[in-house]
């Protein structure tokens, strides 16, 4: 019995549930593979990336397939990573990625001056931020909502994180810059001293 369990665990460890899944290529998307470099072009733009030379990337029947040469730990980890990055590239040029942030606080607001994001978050000076390459920032009319969009998931996430870091959420006051889907766990403030007669 122990031998059977060990064999099952060993087989399960070698299998990459993410890496082995093929990536369907939607209509209107062109994929070019040259050695270990991949370029994906779609309605929203173009994304290019260079992957580890050990990973085999092929286009088969309108689908991207990633295979690995062995079951070594390095190759197993690269297998799923490569497939995930390729999927993000395809999704980026077709649907794009978006992060939404919300500003909370008296007098806090944001505005766009050209392509520059200007944040007024209680500091003595406005904070100006330039968008990262390939990233678009828009501010809602109420100046309390910020939308970050782009074809590169990493760039969109990085830009949103930088904006949030300017005034991180305050768990006591409930103010700051939040992700729209973020749940802030509020903390109770310190209670006043109790006088002893």
N, C-alpha and C. Protein backbone atom coordinates (compact mmCIF):
# COMPACT_ATOMS: atom_id res chain seq x y z
N UNK A 1 0.82 -1.22 0.00
CA UNK A 1 0.00 0.00 0.00
C UNK A 1 0.85 1.27 0.00
N UNK A 2 1.89 1.36 0.90
CA UNK A 2 2.74 2.55 0.90
C UNK A 2 3.41 2.77 -0.45
N UNK A 3 3.79 1.66 -1.15
CA UNK A 3 4.46 1.80 -2.45
C UNK A 3 3.50 2.40 -3.47
N UNK A 4 2.23 1.95 -3.44
CA UNK A 4 1.23 2.46 -4.37
C UNK A 4 1.01 3.95 -4.16
N UNK A 5 0.90 4.38 -2.91
CA UNK A 5 0.71 5.79 -2.58
C UNK A 5 1.89 6.61 -3.07
N UNK A 6 3.10 6.08 -2.86
CA UNK A 6 4.31 6.78 -3.29
C UNK A 6 4.33 6.96 -4.80
N UNK A 7 3.91 5.89 -5.54
CA UNK A 7 3.88 5.98 -6.99
C UNK A 7 2.88 7.03 -7.47
N UNK A 8 1.70 7.07 -6.83
CA UNK A 8 0.67 8.04 -7.20
C UNK A 8 1.17 9.46 -6.96
N UNK A 9 1.81 9.68 -5.82
CA UNK A 9 2.33 11.01 -5.50
C UNK A 9 3.41 11.42 -6.49
N UNK A 10 4.26 10.45 -6.88
CA UNK A 10 5.35 10.75 -7.80
C UNK A 10 4.79 11.13 -9.17
N UNK A 11 3.77 10.40 -9.65
CA UNK A 11 3.17 10.70 -10.94
C UNK A 11 2.48 12.06 -10.91
N UNK A 12 1.75 12.35 -9.80
CA UNK A 12 1.05 13.61 -9.68
C UNK A 12 2.01 14.78 -9.65
N UNK A 13 3.19 14.55 -9.02
CA UNK A 13 4.19 15.62 -8.91
C UNK A 13 4.77 15.94 -10.29
N UNK A 14 4.90 14.91 -11.15
CA UNK A 14 5.50 15.13 -12.46
C UNK A 14 4.54 15.84 -13.41
N UNK A 15 3.24 15.72 -13.15
CA UNK A 15 2.25 16.31 -14.06
C UNK A 15 2.05 17.79 -13.75
N UNK A 16 2.00 18.59 -14.78
CA UNK A 16 1.72 20.01 -14.61
C UNK A 16 0.31 20.27 -15.11
N UNK A 17 -0.59 20.49 -14.19
CA UNK A 17 -1.99 20.67 -14.56
C UNK A 17 -2.19 21.95 -15.38
N UNK A 18 -1.32 22.92 -15.18
CA UNK A 18 -1.42 24.17 -15.94
C UNK A 18 -0.63 24.07 -17.24
N UNK A 19 0.59 23.62 -17.15
CA UNK A 19 1.48 23.61 -18.30
C UNK A 19 1.00 22.74 -19.45
N UNK A 20 0.32 21.66 -19.16
CA UNK A 20 -0.07 20.73 -20.23
C UNK A 20 -1.30 21.21 -21.01
N UNK A 21 -2.01 22.22 -20.52
CA UNK A 21 -3.22 22.69 -21.20
C UNK A 21 -2.86 23.54 -22.41
N UNK A 22 -3.39 23.23 -23.58
CA UNK A 22 -3.12 24.06 -24.77
C UNK A 22 -3.84 25.40 -24.66
N UNK A 23 -3.31 26.40 -25.34
CA UNK A 23 -3.90 27.74 -25.32
C UNK A 23 -4.56 27.99 -26.67
N UNK A 24 -5.89 28.11 -26.72
CA UNK A 24 -6.55 28.38 -28.00
C UNK A 24 -6.25 29.79 -28.49
N UNK A 25 -6.03 29.93 -29.78
CA UNK A 25 -5.74 31.23 -30.38
C UNK A 25 -7.02 31.77 -31.01
N UNK A 26 -7.56 32.88 -30.50
CA UNK A 26 -8.80 33.46 -31.06
C UNK A 26 -8.59 33.97 -32.47
N UNK A 27 -9.69 34.18 -33.16
CA UNK A 27 -9.62 34.75 -34.51
C UNK A 27 -9.07 36.18 -34.44
N UNK A 28 -8.28 36.54 -35.42
CA UNK A 28 -7.72 37.88 -35.46
C UNK A 28 -6.42 38.01 -34.68
N UNK A 29 -5.93 36.90 -34.12
CA UNK A 29 -4.68 36.93 -33.35
C UNK A 29 -3.61 36.16 -34.14
N UNK A 30 -2.45 36.77 -34.29
CA UNK A 30 -1.35 36.15 -35.01
C UNK A 30 -0.20 35.85 -34.04
N UNK A 31 0.33 34.65 -34.12
CA UNK A 31 1.42 34.23 -33.24
C UNK A 31 2.64 33.89 -34.08
N UNK A 32 3.77 34.48 -33.73
CA UNK A 32 5.02 34.18 -34.42
C UNK A 32 6.02 33.62 -33.40
N UNK A 33 6.58 32.46 -33.75
CA UNK A 33 7.54 31.79 -32.86
C UNK A 33 8.88 31.70 -33.56
N UNK A 34 9.90 32.23 -32.92
CA UNK A 34 11.26 32.16 -33.46
C UNK A 34 12.20 31.75 -32.35
N UNK A 35 12.69 30.51 -32.43
CA UNK A 35 13.50 29.92 -31.36
C UNK A 35 12.69 29.95 -30.05
N UNK A 36 13.16 30.69 -29.07
CA UNK A 36 12.43 30.76 -27.80
C UNK A 36 11.76 32.12 -27.60
N UNK A 37 11.60 32.87 -28.69
CA UNK A 37 10.91 34.17 -28.63
C UNK A 37 9.54 34.04 -29.27
N UNK A 38 8.55 34.64 -28.64
CA UNK A 38 7.18 34.57 -29.13
C UNK A 38 6.62 35.99 -29.23
N UNK A 39 5.97 36.28 -30.35
CA UNK A 39 5.30 37.56 -30.56
C UNK A 39 3.83 37.30 -30.86
N UNK A 40 2.96 37.94 -30.08
CA UNK A 40 1.53 37.77 -30.25
C UNK A 40 0.93 39.12 -30.64
N UNK A 41 0.21 39.15 -31.76
CA UNK A 41 -0.40 40.38 -32.25
C UNK A 41 -1.90 40.20 -32.32
N UNK A 42 -2.65 41.18 -31.79
CA UNK A 42 -4.10 41.10 -31.78
C UNK A 42 -4.74 42.47 -31.93
N UNK A 43 -6.05 42.54 -31.73
CA UNK A 43 -6.77 43.81 -31.91
C UNK A 43 -6.29 44.92 -30.99
N UNK A 44 -5.80 44.58 -29.80
CA UNK A 44 -5.40 45.61 -28.83
C UNK A 44 -3.92 45.96 -28.88
N UNK A 45 -3.15 45.24 -29.69
CA UNK A 45 -1.73 45.57 -29.75
C UNK A 45 -0.87 44.34 -29.91
N UNK A 46 0.37 44.47 -29.50
CA UNK A 46 1.35 43.40 -29.67
C UNK A 46 2.12 43.17 -28.38
N UNK A 47 2.38 41.91 -28.08
CA UNK A 47 3.18 41.55 -26.92
C UNK A 47 4.26 40.57 -27.35
N UNK A 48 5.47 40.78 -26.86
CA UNK A 48 6.59 39.89 -27.19
C UNK A 48 7.29 39.47 -25.90
N UNK A 49 7.82 38.26 -25.91
CA UNK A 49 8.55 37.76 -24.74
C UNK A 49 9.51 36.67 -25.17
N UNK A 50 10.60 36.55 -24.42
CA UNK A 50 11.58 35.51 -24.65
C UNK A 50 11.55 34.54 -23.48
N UNK A 51 11.46 33.26 -23.77
CA UNK A 51 11.30 32.25 -22.73
C UNK A 51 12.55 31.39 -22.60
N UNK A 52 12.57 30.58 -21.58
CA UNK A 52 13.72 29.71 -21.31
C UNK A 52 13.93 28.78 -22.51
N UNK A 53 15.19 28.63 -22.95
CA UNK A 53 15.45 27.81 -24.16
C UNK A 53 15.07 26.34 -24.01
N UNK A 54 14.93 25.85 -22.80
CA UNK A 54 14.57 24.44 -22.62
C UNK A 54 13.10 24.16 -22.90
N UNK A 55 12.27 25.21 -22.85
CA UNK A 55 10.84 25.00 -23.09
C UNK A 55 10.56 24.97 -24.59
N UNK A 56 9.76 23.99 -25.01
CA UNK A 56 9.40 23.87 -26.42
C UNK A 56 8.01 24.47 -26.62
N UNK A 57 7.94 25.49 -27.46
CA UNK A 57 6.66 26.17 -27.74
C UNK A 57 6.32 25.94 -29.21
N UNK A 58 5.13 25.41 -29.45
CA UNK A 58 4.72 25.10 -30.83
C UNK A 58 3.28 25.53 -31.05
N UNK A 59 2.97 25.80 -32.32
CA UNK A 59 1.61 26.15 -32.72
C UNK A 59 1.02 24.95 -33.45
N UNK A 60 0.02 24.33 -32.82
CA UNK A 60 -0.57 23.11 -33.38
C UNK A 60 -2.09 23.26 -33.46
N UNK A 61 -2.62 23.17 -34.68
CA UNK A 61 -4.07 23.22 -34.90
C UNK A 61 -4.71 24.45 -34.26
N UNK A 62 -4.07 25.60 -34.43
CA UNK A 62 -4.63 26.83 -33.89
C UNK A 62 -4.53 26.96 -32.39
N UNK A 63 -3.61 26.20 -31.79
CA UNK A 63 -3.43 26.26 -30.34
C UNK A 63 -1.94 26.29 -30.01
N UNK A 64 -1.60 27.03 -28.97
CA UNK A 64 -0.21 27.06 -28.49
C UNK A 64 -0.02 25.92 -27.50
N UNK A 65 1.04 25.15 -27.71
CA UNK A 65 1.32 24.01 -26.85
C UNK A 65 2.73 24.15 -26.29
N UNK A 66 2.86 23.97 -24.98
CA UNK A 66 4.16 24.07 -24.32
C UNK A 66 4.53 22.69 -23.78
N UNK A 67 5.72 22.23 -24.10
CA UNK A 67 6.20 20.94 -23.58
C UNK A 67 7.57 21.14 -22.94
N UNK A 68 7.90 20.23 -22.04
CA UNK A 68 9.19 20.31 -21.34
C UNK A 68 10.02 19.08 -21.65
N UNK A 69 11.34 19.22 -21.61
CA UNK A 69 12.20 18.09 -21.99
C UNK A 69 12.34 17.01 -20.93
N UNK A 70 12.11 17.34 -19.67
CA UNK A 70 12.28 16.35 -18.61
C UNK A 70 11.38 16.69 -17.43
N UNK A 71 11.43 15.84 -16.42
CA UNK A 71 10.63 16.05 -15.22
C UNK A 71 11.46 16.62 -14.07
N UNK A 72 12.56 17.24 -14.40
CA UNK A 72 13.36 17.89 -13.37
C UNK A 72 12.57 19.02 -12.72
N UNK A 73 12.92 19.33 -11.49
CA UNK A 73 12.19 20.37 -10.76
C UNK A 73 12.17 21.69 -11.52
N UNK A 74 13.29 22.08 -12.10
CA UNK A 74 13.37 23.34 -12.84
C UNK A 74 12.41 23.32 -14.02
N UNK A 75 12.43 22.24 -14.77
CA UNK A 75 11.57 22.14 -15.96
C UNK A 75 10.09 22.10 -15.58
N UNK A 76 9.77 21.45 -14.48
CA UNK A 76 8.38 21.40 -14.04
C UNK A 76 7.88 22.80 -13.70
N UNK A 77 8.72 23.58 -13.01
CA UNK A 77 8.30 24.94 -12.64
C UNK A 77 8.22 25.85 -13.86
N UNK A 78 9.15 25.69 -14.79
CA UNK A 78 9.14 26.52 -16.00
C UNK A 78 7.97 26.18 -16.91
N UNK A 79 7.53 24.93 -16.86
CA UNK A 79 6.44 24.49 -17.73
C UNK A 79 5.16 25.30 -17.47
N UNK A 80 4.72 25.32 -16.23
CA UNK A 80 3.51 26.06 -15.87
C UNK A 80 3.69 27.56 -16.03
N UNK A 81 4.87 28.06 -15.69
CA UNK A 81 5.13 29.50 -15.81
C UNK A 81 5.07 29.95 -17.26
N UNK A 82 5.71 29.21 -18.14
CA UNK A 82 5.72 29.57 -19.56
C UNK A 82 4.32 29.59 -20.13
N UNK A 83 3.53 28.56 -19.80
CA UNK A 83 2.16 28.49 -20.30
C UNK A 83 1.33 29.66 -19.78
N UNK A 84 1.48 30.00 -18.50
CA UNK A 84 0.72 31.10 -17.90
C UNK A 84 1.07 32.44 -18.55
N UNK A 85 2.35 32.65 -18.82
CA UNK A 85 2.78 33.91 -19.44
C UNK A 85 2.26 34.02 -20.87
N UNK A 86 2.27 32.90 -21.60
CA UNK A 86 1.74 32.90 -22.97
C UNK A 86 0.24 33.18 -22.97
N UNK A 87 -0.47 32.60 -22.03
CA UNK A 87 -1.91 32.83 -21.94
C UNK A 87 -2.20 34.30 -21.66
N UNK A 88 -1.39 34.91 -20.79
CA UNK A 88 -1.57 36.33 -20.49
C UNK A 88 -1.31 37.19 -21.72
N UNK A 89 -0.35 36.79 -22.54
CA UNK A 89 -0.06 37.55 -23.76
C UNK A 89 -1.25 37.51 -24.72
N UNK A 90 -1.82 36.30 -24.89
CA UNK A 90 -2.97 36.16 -25.79
C UNK A 90 -4.17 36.94 -25.25
N UNK A 91 -4.40 36.83 -23.95
CA UNK A 91 -5.52 37.57 -23.34
C UNK A 91 -5.29 39.07 -23.42
N UNK A 92 -4.05 39.49 -23.27
CA UNK A 92 -3.75 40.92 -23.28
C UNK A 92 -4.04 41.59 -24.61
N UNK A 93 -3.71 40.90 -25.71
CA UNK A 93 -3.92 41.51 -27.03
C UNK A 93 -5.35 41.35 -27.53
N UNK A 94 -6.16 40.56 -26.82
CA UNK A 94 -7.57 40.40 -27.22
C UNK A 94 -8.51 41.14 -26.28
N UNK A 95 -8.43 40.86 -25.00
CA UNK A 95 -9.34 41.47 -24.02
C UNK A 95 -8.66 42.60 -23.24
N UNK A 96 -7.36 42.50 -23.04
CA UNK A 96 -6.65 43.48 -22.23
C UNK A 96 -6.82 43.19 -20.74
N UNK A 97 -6.10 43.94 -19.92
CA UNK A 97 -6.18 43.80 -18.46
C UNK A 97 -6.57 45.14 -17.85
N UNK A 98 -7.26 45.07 -16.73
CA UNK A 98 -7.74 46.29 -16.09
C UNK A 98 -7.66 46.17 -14.58
N UNK A 99 -7.26 47.25 -13.96
CA UNK A 99 -7.29 47.36 -12.49
C UNK A 99 -8.03 48.65 -12.15
N UNK A 100 -8.96 48.56 -11.23
CA UNK A 100 -9.71 49.74 -10.81
C UNK A 100 -9.38 50.06 -9.36
N UNK A 101 -9.18 51.35 -9.10
CA UNK A 101 -8.87 51.82 -7.75
C UNK A 101 -9.89 52.87 -7.34
N UNK A 102 -10.10 52.98 -6.05
CA UNK A 102 -11.05 53.94 -5.49
C UNK A 102 -10.33 54.79 -4.45
N UNK A 103 -10.59 56.10 -4.49
CA UNK A 103 -10.00 57.02 -3.52
C UNK A 103 -11.04 57.35 -2.47
N UNK A 104 -10.65 57.25 -1.20
CA UNK A 104 -11.55 57.56 -0.09
C UNK A 104 -10.86 58.50 0.88
N UNK A 105 -11.52 59.60 1.23
CA UNK A 105 -10.94 60.55 2.16
C UNK A 105 -11.38 61.97 1.84
N UNK A 106 -11.59 62.77 2.84
CA UNK A 106 -12.04 64.14 2.64
C UNK A 106 -11.00 64.95 1.87
N UNK A 107 -11.41 65.51 0.75
CA UNK A 107 -10.50 66.32 -0.05
C UNK A 107 -9.58 65.52 -0.94
N UNK A 108 -9.60 64.20 -0.84
CA UNK A 108 -8.75 63.38 -1.69
C UNK A 108 -9.37 63.29 -3.08
N UNK A 109 -8.55 63.41 -4.12
CA UNK A 109 -9.07 63.28 -5.47
C UNK A 109 -7.91 63.07 -6.45
N UNK A 110 -8.29 62.75 -7.67
CA UNK A 110 -7.30 62.55 -8.73
C UNK A 110 -7.78 63.27 -9.99
N UNK A 111 -6.83 63.61 -10.83
CA UNK A 111 -7.16 64.23 -12.12
C UNK A 111 -6.06 63.93 -13.12
N UNK A 112 -6.42 64.02 -14.39
CA UNK A 112 -5.45 63.79 -15.45
C UNK A 112 -5.04 65.13 -16.05
N UNK A 113 -3.75 65.34 -16.19
CA UNK A 113 -3.21 66.50 -16.89
C UNK A 113 -2.41 65.97 -18.07
N UNK A 114 -3.10 65.89 -19.23
CA UNK A 114 -2.50 65.21 -20.37
C UNK A 114 -2.49 63.71 -20.08
N UNK A 115 -1.32 63.11 -20.13
CA UNK A 115 -1.18 61.69 -19.78
C UNK A 115 -0.67 61.50 -18.36
N UNK A 116 -0.48 62.59 -17.64
CA UNK A 116 0.05 62.52 -16.28
C UNK A 116 -1.08 62.42 -15.27
N UNK A 117 -0.97 61.48 -14.35
CA UNK A 117 -1.94 61.34 -13.27
C UNK A 117 -1.49 62.23 -12.10
N UNK A 118 -2.40 63.09 -11.63
CA UNK A 118 -2.10 63.97 -10.50
C UNK A 118 -2.98 63.55 -9.34
N UNK A 119 -2.33 63.20 -8.24
CA UNK A 119 -3.04 62.73 -7.05
C UNK A 119 -2.96 63.78 -5.95
N UNK A 120 -4.11 64.14 -5.40
CA UNK A 120 -4.19 65.07 -4.27
C UNK A 120 -4.70 64.25 -3.09
N UNK A 121 -3.76 63.81 -2.25
CA UNK A 121 -4.09 62.84 -1.21
C UNK A 121 -3.66 63.31 0.18
N UNK A 122 -3.79 64.61 0.43
CA UNK A 122 -3.52 65.11 1.77
C UNK A 122 -2.10 65.52 2.04
N UNK A 123 -1.24 65.38 1.05
CA UNK A 123 0.14 65.83 1.23
C UNK A 123 0.22 67.34 0.95
N UNK A 124 1.36 67.94 1.25
CA UNK A 124 1.53 69.37 1.02
C UNK A 124 1.68 69.70 -0.47
N UNK A 125 1.84 68.67 -1.27
CA UNK A 125 2.04 68.87 -2.70
C UNK A 125 1.32 67.76 -3.47
N UNK A 126 0.89 68.04 -4.69
CA UNK A 126 0.28 66.97 -5.50
C UNK A 126 1.34 65.97 -5.95
N UNK A 127 0.93 64.72 -6.08
CA UNK A 127 1.84 63.66 -6.53
C UNK A 127 1.55 63.39 -8.00
N UNK A 128 2.57 63.54 -8.83
CA UNK A 128 2.42 63.33 -10.27
C UNK A 128 3.02 61.98 -10.66
N UNK A 129 2.29 61.24 -11.48
CA UNK A 129 2.76 59.92 -11.90
C UNK A 129 2.58 59.76 -13.40
N UNK A 130 3.65 59.31 -14.06
CA UNK A 130 3.59 59.03 -15.49
C UNK A 130 3.25 57.55 -15.68
N UNK A 131 2.36 57.24 -16.63
CA UNK A 131 2.02 55.82 -16.85
C UNK A 131 3.20 55.04 -17.40
N UNK A 132 3.27 53.77 -17.04
CA UNK A 132 4.30 52.89 -17.58
C UNK A 132 4.03 52.64 -19.06
N UNK A 133 5.03 52.21 -19.83
CA UNK A 133 4.83 51.96 -21.26
C UNK A 133 3.69 50.98 -21.52
N UNK A 134 2.80 51.34 -22.44
CA UNK A 134 1.70 50.47 -22.79
C UNK A 134 0.52 50.50 -21.84
N UNK A 135 0.57 51.40 -20.86
CA UNK A 135 -0.50 51.48 -19.85
C UNK A 135 -1.27 52.78 -20.04
N UNK A 136 -2.59 52.69 -19.92
CA UNK A 136 -3.46 53.86 -20.03
C UNK A 136 -4.17 54.08 -18.70
N UNK A 137 -4.19 55.33 -18.23
CA UNK A 137 -4.85 55.67 -16.96
C UNK A 137 -5.99 56.63 -17.25
N UNK A 138 -7.13 56.35 -16.67
CA UNK A 138 -8.27 57.26 -16.78
C UNK A 138 -8.84 57.51 -15.40
N UNK A 139 -9.43 58.69 -15.22
CA UNK A 139 -10.03 59.08 -13.94
C UNK A 139 -11.51 59.31 -14.17
N UNK A 140 -12.33 58.77 -13.28
CA UNK A 140 -13.78 58.94 -13.39
C UNK A 140 -14.15 60.39 -13.12
N UNK A 141 -15.37 60.77 -13.52
CA UNK A 141 -15.81 62.16 -13.37
C UNK A 141 -15.77 62.64 -11.93
N UNK A 142 -16.14 61.77 -11.01
CA UNK A 142 -16.15 62.18 -9.61
C UNK A 142 -14.78 62.32 -9.00
N UNK A 143 -13.73 62.07 -9.80
CA UNK A 143 -12.34 62.19 -9.36
C UNK A 143 -12.02 61.24 -8.22
N UNK A 144 -12.85 60.22 -8.02
CA UNK A 144 -12.61 59.25 -6.95
C UNK A 144 -12.31 57.85 -7.47
N UNK A 145 -12.39 57.67 -8.78
CA UNK A 145 -12.14 56.37 -9.37
C UNK A 145 -11.03 56.43 -10.40
N UNK A 146 -10.10 55.49 -10.34
CA UNK A 146 -8.98 55.44 -11.27
C UNK A 146 -8.98 54.07 -11.95
N UNK A 147 -8.87 54.08 -13.27
CA UNK A 147 -8.82 52.83 -14.03
C UNK A 147 -7.48 52.73 -14.74
N UNK A 148 -6.82 51.60 -14.56
CA UNK A 148 -5.53 51.33 -15.21
C UNK A 148 -5.74 50.19 -16.19
N UNK A 149 -5.41 50.42 -17.46
CA UNK A 149 -5.62 49.41 -18.50
C UNK A 149 -4.37 49.23 -19.34
N UNK A 150 -4.26 48.03 -19.94
CA UNK A 150 -3.14 47.76 -20.82
C UNK A 150 -3.16 46.33 -21.30
N UNK A 151 -2.23 45.99 -22.18
CA UNK A 151 -2.15 44.63 -22.71
C UNK A 151 -1.21 43.75 -21.91
N UNK A 152 -0.35 44.37 -21.10
CA UNK A 152 0.63 43.61 -20.32
C UNK A 152 0.16 43.52 -18.87
N UNK A 153 -0.14 42.32 -18.42
CA UNK A 153 -0.68 42.13 -17.07
C UNK A 153 0.28 42.63 -16.00
N UNK A 154 1.56 42.38 -16.19
CA UNK A 154 2.56 42.80 -15.19
C UNK A 154 2.63 44.32 -15.09
N UNK A 155 2.62 45.00 -16.23
CA UNK A 155 2.70 46.46 -16.23
C UNK A 155 1.46 47.09 -15.60
N UNK A 156 0.28 46.52 -15.91
CA UNK A 156 -0.96 47.04 -15.34
C UNK A 156 -0.94 46.88 -13.82
N UNK A 157 -0.55 45.70 -13.35
CA UNK A 157 -0.49 45.45 -11.91
C UNK A 157 0.53 46.34 -11.21
N UNK A 158 1.68 46.53 -11.86
CA UNK A 158 2.74 47.37 -11.29
C UNK A 158 2.28 48.82 -11.17
N UNK A 159 1.62 49.34 -12.22
CA UNK A 159 1.15 50.72 -12.20
C UNK A 159 0.10 50.92 -11.12
N UNK A 160 -0.84 49.97 -11.02
CA UNK A 160 -1.88 50.07 -10.00
C UNK A 160 -1.28 50.03 -8.60
N UNK A 161 -0.27 49.18 -8.41
CA UNK A 161 0.38 49.06 -7.09
C UNK A 161 1.11 50.36 -6.72
N UNK A 162 1.71 51.01 -7.71
CA UNK A 162 2.41 52.28 -7.44
C UNK A 162 1.42 53.37 -7.03
N UNK A 163 0.26 53.40 -7.71
CA UNK A 163 -0.75 54.40 -7.35
C UNK A 163 -1.26 54.16 -5.94
N UNK A 164 -1.54 52.90 -5.62
CA UNK A 164 -2.04 52.56 -4.28
C UNK A 164 -1.02 52.89 -3.19
N UNK A 165 0.26 52.73 -3.52
CA UNK A 165 1.32 52.96 -2.53
C UNK A 165 1.46 54.43 -2.15
N UNK A 166 0.94 55.34 -2.97
CA UNK A 166 1.05 56.78 -2.65
C UNK A 166 0.32 57.09 -1.34
N UNK A 167 -0.82 56.46 -1.14
CA UNK A 167 -1.56 56.64 0.12
C UNK A 167 -2.26 55.31 0.42
N UNK A 168 -1.55 54.44 1.10
CA UNK A 168 -2.10 53.11 1.38
C UNK A 168 -3.34 53.22 2.27
N UNK A 169 -4.24 52.24 2.18
CA UNK A 169 -5.46 52.29 2.99
C UNK A 169 -5.15 52.36 4.48
N UNK A 170 -5.88 53.22 5.18
CA UNK A 170 -5.74 53.36 6.62
C UNK A 170 -6.81 52.49 7.28
N UNK A 171 -6.40 51.42 7.98
CA UNK A 171 -7.40 50.51 8.56
C UNK A 171 -8.21 51.12 9.70
N UNK A 172 -7.75 52.25 10.26
CA UNK A 172 -8.48 52.89 11.35
C UNK A 172 -9.50 53.89 10.83
N UNK A 173 -9.11 54.68 9.82
CA UNK A 173 -9.99 55.72 9.30
C UNK A 173 -10.76 55.29 8.05
N UNK A 174 -10.28 54.24 7.38
CA UNK A 174 -10.93 53.80 6.16
C UNK A 174 -10.66 54.73 4.98
N UNK A 175 -9.54 55.44 5.02
CA UNK A 175 -9.19 56.37 3.95
C UNK A 175 -7.98 55.85 3.18
N UNK A 176 -7.75 56.45 2.03
CA UNK A 176 -6.60 56.06 1.22
C UNK A 176 -7.02 55.63 -0.17
N UNK A 177 -6.12 54.90 -0.84
CA UNK A 177 -6.39 54.40 -2.18
C UNK A 177 -6.56 52.89 -2.10
N UNK A 178 -7.70 52.40 -2.57
CA UNK A 178 -8.03 50.98 -2.49
C UNK A 178 -8.17 50.40 -3.88
N UNK A 179 -7.93 49.09 -3.99
CA UNK A 179 -8.40 48.37 -5.18
C UNK A 179 -9.91 48.28 -5.07
N UNK A 180 -10.60 48.34 -6.19
CA UNK A 180 -12.07 48.33 -6.16
C UNK A 180 -12.62 47.06 -5.55
N UNK A 181 -11.90 45.94 -5.72
CA UNK A 181 -12.36 44.67 -5.17
C UNK A 181 -11.68 44.32 -3.85
N UNK A 182 -11.03 45.29 -3.25
CA UNK A 182 -10.29 45.06 -2.02
C UNK A 182 -11.21 45.17 -0.81
N UNK A 183 -11.05 44.25 0.12
CA UNK A 183 -11.80 44.31 1.37
C UNK A 183 -10.86 44.74 2.48
N UNK A 184 -11.15 45.88 3.07
CA UNK A 184 -10.29 46.40 4.13
C UNK A 184 -10.83 45.98 5.48
N UNK A 185 -10.00 45.34 6.26
CA UNK A 185 -10.41 44.95 7.60
C UNK A 185 -10.20 46.13 8.54
N UNK A 186 -11.30 46.73 8.94
CA UNK A 186 -11.23 47.92 9.78
C UNK A 186 -10.78 47.55 11.19
N UNK A 187 -10.01 48.45 11.81
CA UNK A 187 -9.55 48.26 13.17
C UNK A 187 -10.16 49.32 14.09
N UNK A 188 -10.45 48.91 15.28
CA UNK A 188 -11.01 49.87 16.24
C UNK A 188 -9.89 50.71 16.81
N UNK A 189 -10.18 52.01 17.02
CA UNK A 189 -9.18 52.87 17.61
C UNK A 189 -9.04 52.62 19.09
N UNK A 190 -8.03 53.23 19.70
CA UNK A 190 -7.82 53.04 21.12
C UNK A 190 -8.94 53.74 21.90
N UNK A 191 -9.42 53.07 22.91
CA UNK A 191 -10.47 53.67 23.74
C UNK A 191 -9.83 54.65 24.73
N UNK A 192 -10.63 55.61 25.21
CA UNK A 192 -10.10 56.60 26.12
C UNK A 192 -9.76 55.97 27.49
N UNK A 193 -8.98 56.69 28.25
CA UNK A 193 -8.60 56.18 29.58
C UNK A 193 -9.80 56.12 30.50
N UNK A 194 -9.82 55.12 31.30
CA UNK A 194 -10.91 54.99 32.28
C UNK A 194 -10.40 55.55 33.60
N UNK A 195 -11.12 56.56 34.08
CA UNK A 195 -10.71 57.20 35.33
C UNK A 195 -11.07 56.30 36.51
N UNK A 196 -10.17 56.22 37.45
CA UNK A 196 -10.42 55.41 38.66
C UNK A 196 -10.61 56.33 39.84
N UNK A 197 -11.81 56.25 40.46
CA UNK A 197 -12.12 57.12 41.59
C UNK A 197 -11.48 56.59 42.84
